[in-house]
Amino acid sequence: MIGEFDILYMNIKANAIDRHAKITQRILTRLKLKQLRLLVAISRHSSILHAAEEISISQPAATKLLKDLESDFNVLLFERTNRGVIPTQFGEALIKHGKLILAQISAAAQDIDDLSEGLGGRIVVGTLLAASAQVLPRAIVFLRQQRPKVSIVVRDGTNDFLMPLLHSGELDMVVGRLTEFRYREDFTQEILCDERIVVVCRKSHPLSSKESVSFDEMNQHQWILPPTQTTLRRQIDSAFFDQGLTPPSHPVECISFLANRSLLLATDMIGVFPVHVVQSEISNGELAIVNCGLNITQSPIGVSYRRAGILSPAASEFLAMLKMASGECHSNEEALMNA
């Protein structure tokens, strides 16, 4: 027999389904793309005026679009504060999905352009230091040989910066050391190759010719290290703690290899890098590997992209080129380490 609790539960569930259906119908019939663009622009600028300028409408028109949207959904989407116009929880939810919708529309436009142009398209790739020296450039070269009209935009940074952009659809993929668990829920991740970590210094550095270098000896020099929020930095700190030592103090934290390379060549600093990042400098004799006991677990280099999204033809081709480039880089790395 069906009890009172079961009837109450079914009524609550039916009401929830009915409410969801009404909200869905409201979105399908009333929501305009210009309103989504406005919402995303307001969240970016915290200003209705600047958001209106971005999408080329007047401030009164922007205010009306926002009021109509709030009226349709019967919720407050933004609050005015001394820090500007700040989204409410309802605004945050709509902005989050709005970014994805606009990204998918952009991808659809790119697909049409790919089909009409044959070899055209546009790819926006996020990259970490681990992939920027060898894998990514080679993949770009391979892709341009196959699709010479593809436009490629590369944005570099750490996972904390890049993964939110990937989630919102502003990046097609991120290439580099694969992320920690907290970033994996919404993404597909494919391993390209393993990453070997080495400590390096300039060729004429006092440590470069020693057969074995202790942690104490390394700690007497200044370091160039990855940012504190990265997995590699935490592994380096843990390696020193395991030796009963304090990790390098007051290091230079920098993800620009051009700056790091200049510092290494001009000073007695030592740095920690994936071997393929410094492969050319080691081969031509500018830098040398420090023979130490800093054994960092090899972490895979890979590519991440949205699980719910669909890669454009150009992005799918680029994914294949990344796999080809990583195979070549791995072979060159093996030859360097065995030399």
C-alpha atoms as a PDB file:
ATOM      1  CA  MET A   1       0.000   0.000   0.000  1.00  0.00           C
ATOM      2  CA  ILE A   2       1.067   3.530  -0.690  1.00  0.00           C
ATOM      3  CA  GLY A   3       1.432   5.488   2.552  1.00  0.00           C
ATOM      4  CA  GLU A   4       1.065   9.187   3.246  1.00  0.00           C
ATOM      5  CA  PHE A   5       4.844   9.662   3.103  1.00  0.00           C
ATOM      6  CA  ASP A   6       5.004   8.056  -0.360  1.00  0.00           C
ATOM      7  CA  ILE A   7       2.208  10.289  -1.622  1.00  0.00           C
ATOM      8  CA  LEU A   8       3.957  13.364  -0.197  1.00  0.00           C
ATOM      9  CA  TYR A   9       7.223  12.350  -1.821  1.00  0.00           C
ATOM     10  CA  MET A  10       5.574  11.791  -5.219  1.00  0.00           C
ATOM     11  CA  ASN A  11       3.844  15.183  -4.993  1.00  0.00           C
ATOM     12  CA  ILE A  12       7.125  16.922  -4.157  1.00  0.00           C
ATOM     13  CA  LYS A  13       8.875  15.143  -7.039  1.00  0.00           C
ATOM     14  CA  ALA A  14       6.048  15.997  -9.454  1.00  0.00           C
ATOM     15  CA  ASN A  15       6.175  19.635  -8.408  1.00  0.00           C
ATOM     16  CA  ALA A  16       9.950  19.726  -8.887  1.00  0.00           C
ATOM     17  CA  ILE A  17       9.631  18.214 -12.380  1.00  0.00           C
ATOM     18  CA  ASP A  18       6.880  20.689 -13.267  1.00  0.00           C
ATOM     19  CA  ARG A  19       8.936  23.626 -11.959  1.00  0.00           C
ATOM     20  CA  HIS A  20      11.994  22.491 -13.943  1.00  0.00           C
ATOM     21  CA  ALA A  21       9.890  22.128 -17.111  1.00  0.00           C
ATOM     22  CA  LYS A  22       8.520  25.665 -16.690  1.00  0.00           C
ATOM     23  CA  ILE A  23      12.016  27.143 -16.192  1.00  0.00           C
ATOM     24  CA  THR A  24      13.285  25.249 -19.248  1.00  0.00           C
ATOM     25  CA  GLN A  25      10.392  26.518 -21.348  1.00  0.00           C
ATOM     26  CA  ARG A  26      11.051  30.051 -20.132  1.00  0.00           C
ATOM     27  CA  ILE A  27      14.691  29.810 -21.169  1.00  0.00           C
ATOM     28  CA  LEU A  28      13.838  28.403 -24.614  1.00  0.00           C
ATOM     29  CA  THR A  29      11.229  31.031 -25.388  1.00  0.00           C
ATOM     30  CA  ARG A  30      12.538  34.189 -23.702  1.00  0.00           C
ATOM     31  CA  LEU A  31      16.319  34.029 -23.309  1.00  0.00           C
ATOM     32  CA  LYS A  32      18.223  36.017 -25.959  1.00  0.00           C
ATOM     33  CA  LEU A  33      21.854  35.531 -26.936  1.00  0.00           C
ATOM     34  CA  LYS A  34      22.425  39.254 -26.486  1.00  0.00           C
ATOM     35  CA  GLN A  35      21.326  38.858 -22.864  1.00  0.00           C
ATOM     36  CA  LEU A  36      23.848  36.062 -22.361  1.00  0.00           C
ATOM     37  CA  ARG A  37      26.588  38.200 -23.898  1.00  0.00           C
ATOM     38  CA  LEU A  38      25.590  41.042 -21.591  1.00  0.00           C
ATOM     39  CA  LEU A  39      25.642  38.816 -18.496  1.00  0.00           C
ATOM     40  CA  VAL A  40      29.122  37.515 -19.303  1.00  0.00           C
ATOM     41  CA  ALA A  41      30.376  41.035 -20.060  1.00  0.00           C
ATOM     42  CA  ILE A  42      28.970  42.415 -16.782  1.00  0.00           C
ATOM     43  CA  SER A  43      30.673  39.624 -14.839  1.00  0.00           C
ATOM     44  CA  ARG A  44      33.942  40.502 -16.575  1.00  0.00           C
ATOM     45  CA  HIS A  45      33.783  44.271 -15.987  1.00  0.00           C
ATOM     46  CA  SER A  46      31.575  44.511 -12.857  1.00  0.00           C
ATOM     47  CA  SER A  47      29.983  47.418 -14.697  1.00  0.00           C
ATOM     48  CA  ILE A  48      26.845  47.689 -16.819  1.00  0.00           C
ATOM     49  CA  LEU A  49      28.294  50.694 -18.681  1.00  0.00           C
ATOM     50  CA  HIS A  50      31.506  48.916 -19.683  1.00  0.00           C
ATOM     51  CA  ALA A  51      29.604  45.731 -20.520  1.00  0.00           C
ATOM     52  CA  ALA A  52      27.260  47.731 -22.777  1.00  0.00           C
ATOM     53  CA  GLU A  53      30.269  49.256 -24.545  1.00  0.00           C
ATOM     54  CA  GLU A  54      31.762  45.800 -25.092  1.00  0.00           C
ATOM     55  CA  ILE A  55      28.661  44.477 -26.895  1.00  0.00           C
ATOM     56  CA  SER A  56      28.016  47.816 -28.661  1.00  0.00           C
ATOM     57  CA  ILE A  57      24.722  48.872 -27.092  1.00  0.00           C
ATOM     58  CA  SER A  58      23.741  51.853 -24.960  1.00  0.00           C
ATOM     59  CA  GLN A  59      23.685  51.686 -21.173  1.00  0.00           C
ATOM     60  CA  PRO A  60      19.864  52.198 -21.045  1.00  0.00           C
ATOM     61  CA  ALA A  61      19.428  49.324 -23.525  1.00  0.00           C
ATOM     62  CA  ALA A  62      21.705  47.125 -21.400  1.00  0.00           C
ATOM     63  CA  THR A  63      19.793  48.008 -18.239  1.00  0.00           C
ATOM     64  CA  LYS A  64      16.498  47.117 -19.935  1.00  0.00           C
ATOM     65  CA  LEU A  65      17.850  43.788 -21.188  1.00  0.00           C
ATOM     66  CA  LEU A  66      18.972  42.936 -17.670  1.00  0.00           C
ATOM     67  CA  LYS A  67      15.678  43.999 -16.073  1.00  0.00           C
ATOM     68  CA  ASP A  68      13.685  41.992 -18.633  1.00  0.00           C
ATOM     69  CA  LEU A  69      15.783  38.947 -17.876  1.00  0.00           C
ATOM     70  CA  GLU A  70      15.353  39.319 -14.121  1.00  0.00           C
ATOM     71  CA  SER A  71      11.619  39.812 -14.609  1.00  0.00           C
ATOM     72  CA  ASP A  72      11.311  36.707 -16.807  1.00  0.00           C
ATOM     73  CA  PHE A  73      13.032  34.537 -14.211  1.00  0.00           C
ATOM     74  CA  ASN A  74      11.735  36.417 -11.180  1.00  0.00           C
ATOM     75  CA  VAL A  75      15.193  36.482  -9.569  1.00  0.00           C
ATOM     76  CA  LEU A  76      17.865  39.110  -8.860  1.00  0.00           C
ATOM     77  CA  LEU A  77      20.904  38.432 -11.043  1.00  0.00           C
ATOM     78  CA  PHE A  78      23.230  41.241  -9.900  1.00  0.00           C
ATOM     79  CA  GLU A  79      23.713  43.418  -6.843  1.00  0.00           C
ATOM     80  CA  ARG A  80      25.203  46.916  -6.853  1.00  0.00           C
ATOM     81  CA  THR A  81      28.026  47.263  -4.318  1.00  0.00           C
ATOM     82  CA  ASN A  82      30.951  49.617  -3.701  1.00  0.00           C
ATOM     83  CA  ARG A  83      33.024  47.149  -5.743  1.00  0.00           C
ATOM     84  CA  GLY A  84      30.728  47.424  -8.737  1.00  0.00           C
ATOM     85  CA  VAL A  85      27.959  45.199 -10.057  1.00  0.00           C
ATOM     86  CA  ILE A  86      28.395  41.745  -8.488  1.00  0.00           C
ATOM     87  CA  PRO A  87      26.463  38.600  -9.591  1.00  0.00           C
ATOM     88  CA  THR A  88      24.147  36.863  -7.124  1.00  0.00           C
ATOM     89  CA  GLN A  89      24.052  33.066  -6.882  1.00  0.00           C
ATOM     90  CA  PHE A  90      21.404  33.097  -9.630  1.00  0.00           C
ATOM     91  CA  GLY A  91      23.591  35.317 -11.762  1.00  0.00           C
ATOM     92  CA  GLU A  92      26.627  33.106 -11.215  1.00  0.00           C
ATOM     93  CA  ALA A  93      24.682  30.039 -12.347  1.00  0.00           C
ATOM     94  CA  LEU A  94      23.410  31.718 -15.508  1.00  0.00           C
ATOM     95  CA  ILE A  95      26.832  33.216 -16.304  1.00  0.00           C
ATOM     96  CA  LYS A  96      28.532  29.826 -15.934  1.00  0.00           C
ATOM     97  CA  HIS A  97      26.215  28.177 -18.446  1.00  0.00           C
ATOM     98  CA  GLY A  98      26.145  31.291 -20.623  1.00  0.00           C
ATOM     99  CA  LYS A  99      29.898  31.082 -21.166  1.00  0.00           C
ATOM    100  CA  LEU A 100      29.586  27.468 -22.296  1.00  0.00           C
ATOM    101  CA  ILE A 101      26.671  28.264 -24.620  1.00  0.00           C
ATOM    102  CA  LEU A 102      28.588  31.126 -26.238  1.00  0.00           C
ATOM    103  CA  ALA A 103      31.678  28.919 -26.552  1.00  0.00           C
ATOM    104  CA  GLN A 104      29.646  26.213 -28.308  1.00  0.00           C
ATOM    105  CA  ILE A 105      28.161  28.797 -30.663  1.00  0.00           C
ATOM    106  CA  SER A 106      31.691  29.956 -31.470  1.00  0.00           C
ATOM    107  CA  ALA A 107      32.706  26.333 -32.074  1.00  0.00           C
ATOM    108  CA  ALA A 108      29.716  25.847 -34.386  1.00  0.00           C
ATOM    109  CA  ALA A 109      30.731  28.924 -36.361  1.00  0.00           C
ATOM    110  CA  GLN A 110      34.263  27.553 -36.578  1.00  0.00           C
ATOM    111  CA  ASP A 111      32.981  24.213 -37.866  1.00  0.00           C
ATOM    112  CA  ILE A 112      31.047  25.993 -40.610  1.00  0.00           C
ATOM    113  CA  ASP A 113      34.137  28.025 -41.462  1.00  0.00           C
ATOM    114  CA  ASP A 114      36.255  24.850 -41.514  1.00  0.00           C
ATOM    115  CA  LEU A 115      33.852  23.245 -43.954  1.00  0.00           C
ATOM    116  CA  SER A 116      33.650  26.283 -46.204  1.00  0.00           C
ATOM    117  CA  GLU A 117      37.396  27.033 -46.175  1.00  0.00           C
ATOM    118  CA  GLY A 118      38.591  23.459 -46.291  1.00  0.00           C
ATOM    119  CA  LEU A 119      41.706  23.888 -44.173  1.00  0.00           C
ATOM    120  CA  GLY A 120      40.720  26.879 -42.028  1.00  0.00           C
ATOM    121  CA  GLY A 121      39.613  27.232 -38.430  1.00  0.00           C
ATOM    122  CA  ARG A 122      40.831  28.573 -35.109  1.00  0.00           C
ATOM    123  CA  ILE A 123      42.282  26.825 -32.046  1.00  0.00           C
ATOM    124  CA  VAL A 124      42.909  28.362 -28.614  1.00  0.00           C
ATOM    125  CA  VAL A 125      45.390  26.291 -26.591  1.00  0.00           C
ATOM    126  CA  GLY A 126      46.505  26.717 -23.006  1.00  0.00           C
ATOM    127  CA  THR A 127      50.009  25.536 -22.199  1.00  0.00           C
ATOM    128  CA  LEU A 128      52.180  24.956 -19.174  1.00  0.00           C
ATOM    129  CA  LEU A 129      55.962  25.218 -19.155  1.00  0.00           C
ATOM    130  CA  ALA A 130      56.302  21.454 -19.487  1.00  0.00           C
ATOM    131  CA  ALA A 131      54.803  21.450 -22.982  1.00  0.00           C
ATOM    132  CA  SER A 132      55.833  24.848 -24.321  1.00  0.00           C
ATOM    133  CA  ALA A 133      59.431  24.070 -25.313  1.00  0.00           C
ATOM    134  CA  GLN A 134      59.123  20.977 -27.497  1.00  0.00           C
ATOM    135  CA  VAL A 135      55.758  19.232 -27.774  1.00  0.00           C
ATOM    136  CA  LEU A 136      53.568  22.235 -28.519  1.00  0.00           C
ATOM    137  CA  PRO A 137      55.820  23.962 -31.095  1.00  0.00           C
ATOM    138  CA  ARG A 138      56.296  20.717 -33.015  1.00  0.00           C
ATOM    139  CA  ALA A 139      52.579  20.029 -33.020  1.00  0.00           C
ATOM    140  CA  ILE A 140      51.951  23.538 -34.366  1.00  0.00           C
ATOM    141  CA  VAL A 141      54.476  22.953 -37.171  1.00  0.00           C
ATOM    142  CA  PHE A 142      52.848  19.624 -38.056  1.00  0.00           C
ATOM    143  CA  LEU A 143      49.370  21.173 -38.040  1.00  0.00           C
ATOM    144  CA  ARG A 144      50.347  24.134 -40.226  1.00  0.00           C
ATOM    145  CA  GLN A 145      51.740  21.691 -42.768  1.00  0.00           C
ATOM    146  CA  GLN A 146      48.341  19.974 -42.928  1.00  0.00           C
ATOM    147  CA  ARG A 147      46.098  23.029 -42.338  1.00  0.00           C
ATOM    148  CA  PRO A 148      48.024  26.170 -43.326  1.00  0.00           C
ATOM    149  CA  LYS A 149      45.004  28.459 -42.832  1.00  0.00           C
ATOM    150  CA  VAL A 150      44.346  27.500 -39.209  1.00  0.00           C
ATOM    151  CA  SER A 151      44.709  30.346 -36.698  1.00  0.00           C
ATOM    152  CA  ILE A 152      46.344  29.214 -33.449  1.00  0.00           C
ATOM    153  CA  VAL A 153      46.207  31.210 -30.214  1.00  0.00           C
ATOM    154  CA  VAL A 154      48.462  30.058 -27.344  1.00  0.00           C
ATOM    155  CA  ARG A 155      47.923  31.192 -23.753  1.00  0.00           C
ATOM    156  CA  ASP A 156      50.427  30.165 -21.095  1.00  0.00           C
ATOM    157  CA  GLY A 157      50.130  29.963 -17.322  1.00  0.00           C
ATOM    158  CA  THR A 158      49.595  27.543 -14.448  1.00  0.00           C
ATOM    159  CA  ASN A 159      46.711  25.098 -14.048  1.00  0.00           C
ATOM    160  CA  ASP A 160      45.026  27.441 -11.571  1.00  0.00           C
ATOM    161  CA  PHE A 161      44.810  30.031 -14.350  1.00  0.00           C
ATOM    162  CA  LEU A 162      44.173  27.817 -17.370  1.00  0.00           C
ATOM    163  CA  MET A 163      41.666  25.242 -16.113  1.00  0.00           C
ATOM    164  CA  PRO A 164      38.889  27.769 -15.327  1.00  0.00           C
ATOM    165  CA  LEU A 165      39.315  29.130 -18.881  1.00  0.00           C
ATOM    166  CA  LEU A 166      39.023  25.599 -20.265  1.00  0.00           C
ATOM    167  CA  HIS A 167      35.917  24.988 -18.153  1.00  0.00           C
ATOM    168  CA  SER A 168      34.240  28.178 -19.416  1.00  0.00           C
ATOM    169  CA  GLY A 169      34.985  27.341 -23.053  1.00  0.00           C
ATOM    170  CA  GLU A 170      37.573  30.074 -23.599  1.00  0.00           C
ATOM    171  CA  LEU A 171      40.208  27.406 -24.361  1.00  0.00           C
ATOM    172  CA  ASP A 172      39.830  24.355 -26.594  1.00  0.00           C
ATOM    173  CA  MET A 173      42.407  22.339 -24.667  1.00  0.00           C
ATOM    174  CA  VAL A 174      45.291  22.605 -22.201  1.00  0.00           C
ATOM    175  CA  VAL A 175      48.626  20.908 -22.883  1.00  0.00           C
ATOM    176  CA  GLY A 176      51.153  20.207 -20.143  1.00  0.00           C
ATOM    177  CA  ARG A 177      51.662  18.290 -16.921  1.00  0.00           C
ATOM    178  CA  LEU A 178      48.314  16.661 -16.158  1.00  0.00           C
ATOM    179  CA  THR A 179      46.301  18.256 -13.407  1.00  0.00           C
ATOM    180  CA  GLU A 180      45.509  17.077  -9.921  1.00  0.00           C
ATOM    181  CA  PHE A 181      42.240  15.323  -9.153  1.00  0.00           C
ATOM    182  CA  ARG A 182      40.353  18.534  -8.352  1.00  0.00           C
ATOM    183  CA  TYR A 183      40.441  19.551 -12.008  1.00  0.00           C
ATOM    184  CA  ARG A 184      39.531  16.217 -13.587  1.00  0.00           C
ATOM    185  CA  GLU A 185      35.802  15.941 -13.034  1.00  0.00           C
ATOM    186  CA  ASP A 186      34.653  17.811 -16.146  1.00  0.00           C
ATOM    187  CA  PHE A 187      37.605  17.045 -18.433  1.00  0.00           C
ATOM    188  CA  THR A 188      38.900  14.240 -20.584  1.00  0.00           C
ATOM    189  CA  GLN A 189      42.654  13.785 -20.095  1.00  0.00           C
ATOM    190  CA  GLU A 190      44.970  11.899 -22.429  1.00  0.00           C
ATOM    191  CA  ILE A 191      48.591  11.087 -21.609  1.00  0.00           C
ATOM    192  CA  LEU A 192      51.076  12.111 -24.292  1.00  0.00           C
ATOM    193  CA  CYS A 193      54.402  11.152 -22.671  1.00  0.00           C
ATOM    194  CA  ASP A 194      56.177  10.905 -19.320  1.00  0.00           C
ATOM    195  CA  GLU A 195      58.019  13.886 -17.908  1.00  0.00           C
ATOM    196  CA  ARG A 196      61.583  13.586 -16.611  1.00  0.00           C
ATOM    197  CA  ILE A 197      62.678  16.263 -14.159  1.00  0.00           C
ATOM    198  CA  VAL A 198      66.305  17.465 -13.918  1.00  0.00           C
ATOM    199  CA  VAL A 199      68.256  20.026 -11.909  1.00  0.00           C
ATOM    200  CA  VAL A 200      70.361  22.230 -14.192  1.00  0.00           C
ATOM    201  CA  CYS A 201      72.959  24.999 -14.000  1.00  0.00           C
ATOM    202  CA  ARG A 202      75.267  26.821 -16.399  1.00  0.00           C
ATOM    203  CA  LYS A 203      78.094  24.723 -17.885  1.00  0.00           C
ATOM    204  CA  SER A 204      80.821  26.540 -15.882  1.00  0.00           C
ATOM    205  CA  HIS A 205      78.907  26.328 -12.588  1.00  0.00           C
ATOM    206  CA  PRO A 206      80.870  24.899  -9.585  1.00  0.00           C
ATOM    207  CA  LEU A 207      78.411  21.993  -9.350  1.00  0.00           C
ATOM    208  CA  SER A 208      78.346  21.061 -13.033  1.00  0.00           C
ATOM    209  CA  SER A 209      81.480  18.883 -12.999  1.00  0.00           C
ATOM    210  CA  LYS A 210      80.856  17.051  -9.702  1.00  0.00           C
ATOM    211  CA  GLU A 211      79.986  13.367  -9.951  1.00  0.00           C
ATOM    212  CA  SER A 212      77.638  13.583  -6.973  1.00  0.00           C
ATOM    213  CA  VAL A 213      76.021  16.668  -5.426  1.00  0.00           C
ATOM    214  CA  SER A 214      74.343  16.613  -2.013  1.00  0.00           C
ATOM    215  CA  PHE A 215      71.177  18.463  -1.025  1.00  0.00           C
ATOM    216  CA  ASP A 216      73.258  20.585   1.381  1.00  0.00           C
ATOM    217  CA  GLU A 217      75.531  21.672  -1.468  1.00  0.00           C
ATOM    218  CA  MET A 218      72.573  22.605  -3.648  1.00  0.00           C
ATOM    219  CA  ASN A 219      70.982  24.537  -0.805  1.00  0.00           C
ATOM    220  CA  GLN A 220      74.024  26.824  -0.718  1.00  0.00           C
ATOM    221  CA  HIS A 221      72.965  28.252  -4.072  1.00  0.00           C
ATOM    222  CA  GLN A 222      69.975  30.311  -5.110  1.00  0.00           C
ATOM    223  CA  TRP A 223      67.180  28.487  -6.928  1.00  0.00           C
ATOM    224  CA  ILE A 224      64.714  29.056  -9.739  1.00  0.00           C
ATOM    225  CA  LEU A 225      61.551  27.109  -8.927  1.00  0.00           C
ATOM    226  CA  PRO A 226      58.004  26.719 -10.233  1.00  0.00           C
ATOM    227  CA  PRO A 227      55.209  28.568  -8.356  1.00  0.00           C
ATOM    228  CA  THR A 228      54.153  27.250  -4.943  1.00  0.00           C
ATOM    229  CA  GLN A 229      50.697  26.149  -6.165  1.00  0.00           C
ATOM    230  CA  THR A 230      52.127  23.678  -8.693  1.00  0.00           C
ATOM    231  CA  THR A 231      52.513  19.929  -8.191  1.00  0.00           C
ATOM    232  CA  LEU A 232      56.197  20.029  -9.157  1.00  0.00           C
ATOM    233  CA  ARG A 233      56.982  22.635  -6.473  1.00  0.00           C
ATOM    234  CA  ARG A 234      55.297  20.536  -3.797  1.00  0.00           C
ATOM    235  CA  GLN A 235      57.309  17.501  -4.913  1.00  0.00           C
ATOM    236  CA  ILE A 236      60.567  19.474  -4.705  1.00  0.00           C
ATOM    237  CA  ASP A 237      59.739  20.726  -1.200  1.00  0.00           C
ATOM    238  CA  SER A 238      58.837  17.181  -0.111  1.00  0.00           C
ATOM    239  CA  ALA A 239      62.164  15.849  -1.409  1.00  0.00           C
ATOM    240  CA  PHE A 240      64.046  18.303   0.831  1.00  0.00           C
ATOM    241  CA  PHE A 241      61.831  17.544   3.834  1.00  0.00           C
ATOM    242  CA  ASP A 242      62.534  13.834   3.324  1.00  0.00           C
ATOM    243  CA  GLN A 243      66.243  14.650   3.707  1.00  0.00           C
ATOM    244  CA  GLY A 244      65.543  16.507   6.968  1.00  0.00           C
ATOM    245  CA  LEU A 245      66.305  19.822   5.277  1.00  0.00           C
ATOM    246  CA  THR A 246      64.397  23.036   4.701  1.00  0.00           C
ATOM    247  CA  PRO A 247      63.447  23.574   1.050  1.00  0.00           C
ATOM    248  CA  PRO A 248      65.307  26.314  -0.862  1.00  0.00           C
ATOM    249  CA  SER A 249      64.525  29.684   0.681  1.00  0.00           C
ATOM    250  CA  HIS A 250      63.626  32.858  -1.249  1.00  0.00           C
ATOM    251  CA  PRO A 251      63.734  31.265  -4.709  1.00  0.00           C
ATOM    252  CA  VAL A 252      62.886  33.060  -7.914  1.00  0.00           C
ATOM    253  CA  GLU A 253      59.444  31.804  -8.956  1.00  0.00           C
ATOM    254  CA  CYS A 254      59.068  32.143 -12.701  1.00  0.00           C
ATOM    255  CA  ILE A 255      57.343  30.221 -15.499  1.00  0.00           C
ATOM    256  CA  SER A 256      58.990  32.188 -18.334  1.00  0.00           C
ATOM    257  CA  PHE A 257      61.749  30.018 -19.738  1.00  0.00           C
ATOM    258  CA  LEU A 258      63.380  32.940 -21.557  1.00  0.00           C
ATOM    259  CA  ALA A 259      63.832  34.726 -18.223  1.00  0.00           C
ATOM    260  CA  ASN A 260      64.916  31.522 -16.464  1.00  0.00           C
ATOM    261  CA  ARG A 261      67.450  30.703 -19.161  1.00  0.00           C
ATOM    262  CA  SER A 262      69.019  34.168 -18.897  1.00  0.00           C
ATOM    263  CA  LEU A 263      69.265  33.869 -15.106  1.00  0.00           C
ATOM    264  CA  LEU A 264      70.898  30.450 -15.299  1.00  0.00           C
ATOM    265  CA  LEU A 265      73.483  31.554 -17.853  1.00  0.00           C
ATOM    266  CA  ALA A 266      74.361  34.795 -16.044  1.00  0.00           C
ATOM    267  CA  THR A 267      74.487  33.581 -12.422  1.00  0.00           C
ATOM    268  CA  ASP A 268      75.263  30.624 -10.168  1.00  0.00           C
ATOM    269  CA  MET A 269      71.552  29.886  -9.774  1.00  0.00           C
ATOM    270  CA  ILE A 270      70.266  26.360 -10.266  1.00  0.00           C
ATOM    271  CA  GLY A 271      66.813  25.407 -11.516  1.00  0.00           C
ATOM    272  CA  VAL A 272      64.430  22.471 -11.852  1.00  0.00           C
ATOM    273  CA  PHE A 273      62.848  21.777 -15.240  1.00  0.00           C
ATOM    274  CA  PRO A 274      61.390  18.997 -17.379  1.00  0.00           C
ATOM    275  CA  VAL A 275      64.316  17.679 -19.382  1.00  0.00           C
ATOM    276  CA  HIS A 276      62.783  18.454 -22.767  1.00  0.00           C
ATOM    277  CA  VAL A 277      62.415  22.128 -21.769  1.00  0.00           C
ATOM    278  CA  VAL A 278      66.205  22.443 -21.413  1.00  0.00           C
ATOM    279  CA  GLN A 279      67.098  19.826 -24.024  1.00  0.00           C
ATOM    280  CA  SER A 280      68.526  22.266 -26.582  1.00  0.00           C
ATOM    281  CA  GLU A 281      70.611  24.153 -23.997  1.00  0.00           C
ATOM    282  CA  ILE A 282      72.079  20.907 -22.648  1.00  0.00           C
ATOM    283  CA  SER A 283      72.863  19.612 -26.141  1.00  0.00           C
ATOM    284  CA  ASN A 284      74.668  22.805 -27.192  1.00  0.00           C
ATOM    285  CA  GLY A 285      76.674  23.005 -23.960  1.00  0.00           C
ATOM    286  CA  GLU A 286      75.073  26.073 -22.399  1.00  0.00           C
ATOM    287  CA  LEU A 287      73.529  24.186 -19.466  1.00  0.00           C
ATOM    288  CA  ALA A 288      74.509  21.038 -17.578  1.00  0.00           C
ATOM    289  CA  ILE A 289      72.557  18.514 -15.505  1.00  0.00           C
ATOM    290  CA  VAL A 290      73.431  18.541 -11.794  1.00  0.00           C
ATOM    291  CA  ASN A 291      74.109  14.970 -10.639  1.00  0.00           C
ATOM    292  CA  CYS A 292      72.062  14.923  -7.453  1.00  0.00           C
ATOM    293  CA  GLY A 293      69.619  12.698  -5.628  1.00  0.00           C
ATOM    294  CA  LEU A 294      66.560  14.801  -6.350  1.00  0.00           C
ATOM    295  CA  ASN A 295      64.285  12.048  -7.622  1.00  0.00           C
ATOM    296  CA  ILE A 296      60.993  13.553  -8.674  1.00  0.00           C
ATOM    297  CA  THR A 297      58.284  11.120  -9.675  1.00  0.00           C
ATOM    298  CA  GLN A 298      57.798  11.208 -13.407  1.00  0.00           C
ATOM    299  CA  SER A 299      54.491  12.886 -14.111  1.00  0.00           C
ATOM    300  CA  PRO A 300      52.774  12.517 -17.444  1.00  0.00           C
ATOM    301  CA  ILE A 301      52.532  15.275 -19.996  1.00  0.00           C
ATOM    302  CA  GLY A 302      49.086  15.256 -21.512  1.00  0.00           C
ATOM    303  CA  VAL A 303      46.188  17.150 -22.976  1.00  0.00           C
ATOM    304  CA  SER A 304      42.916  18.083 -21.266  1.00  0.00           C
ATOM    305  CA  TYR A 305      39.680  19.101 -22.967  1.00  0.00           C
ATOM    306  CA  ARG A 306      36.028  19.429 -21.940  1.00  0.00           C
ATOM    307  CA  ARG A 307      34.230  16.131 -21.619  1.00  0.00           C
ATOM    308  CA  ALA A 308      30.868  17.684 -22.500  1.00  0.00           C
ATOM    309  CA  GLY A 309      32.159  19.649 -25.472  1.00  0.00           C
ATOM    310  CA  ILE A 310      32.908  18.612 -29.039  1.00  0.00           C
ATOM    311  CA  LEU A 311      36.316  19.375 -30.518  1.00  0.00           C
ATOM    312  CA  SER A 312      36.190  21.214 -33.826  1.00  0.00           C
ATOM    313  CA  PRO A 313      37.756  19.534 -36.882  1.00  0.00           C
ATOM    314  CA  ALA A 314      40.828  21.764 -36.522  1.00  0.00           C
ATOM    315  CA  ALA A 315      41.156  20.999 -32.794  1.00  0.00           C
ATOM    316  CA  SER A 316      40.745  17.261 -33.418  1.00  0.00           C
ATOM    317  CA  GLU A 317      43.512  17.424 -36.021  1.00  0.00           C
ATOM    318  CA  PHE A 318      45.698  19.328 -33.576  1.00  0.00           C
ATOM    319  CA  LEU A 319      45.157  16.628 -30.946  1.00  0.00           C
ATOM    320  CA  ALA A 320      46.508  14.068 -33.421  1.00  0.00           C
ATOM    321  CA  MET A 321      49.515  16.321 -34.125  1.00  0.00           C
ATOM    322  CA  LEU A 322      50.221  16.600 -30.380  1.00  0.00           C
ATOM    323  CA  LYS A 323      50.409  12.820 -30.142  1.00  0.00           C
ATOM    324  CA  MET A 324      52.811  12.683 -33.088  1.00  0.00           C
ATOM    325  CA  ALA A 325      55.000  15.460 -31.654  1.00  0.00           C
ATOM    326  CA  SER A 326      55.144  13.879 -28.192  1.00  0.00           C
ATOM    327  CA  GLY A 327      56.425  10.630 -29.707  1.00  0.00           C
ATOM    328  CA  GLU A 328      59.317  12.458 -31.381  1.00  0.00           C
ATOM    329  CA  CYS A 329      60.137  14.434 -28.236  1.00  0.00           C
ATOM    330  CA  HIS A 330      60.217  11.263 -26.143  1.00  0.00           C
ATOM    331  CA  SER A 331      62.705   9.642 -28.531  1.00  0.00           C
ATOM    332  CA  ASN A 332      64.975  12.706 -28.445  1.00  0.00           C
ATOM    333  CA  GLU A 333      64.777  12.821 -24.631  1.00  0.00           C
ATOM    334  CA  GLU A 334      65.867   9.166 -24.339  1.00  0.00           C
ATOM    335  CA  ALA A 335      68.862   9.855 -26.577  1.00  0.00           C
ATOM    336  CA  LEU A 336      69.872  12.887 -24.472  1.00  0.00           C
ATOM    337  CA  MET A 337      69.642  11.069 -21.120  1.00  0.00           C
ATOM    338  CA  ASN A 338      71.646   8.100 -22.456  1.00  0.00           C
ATOM    339  CA  ALA A 339      74.363  10.290 -24.010  1.00  0.00           C
END
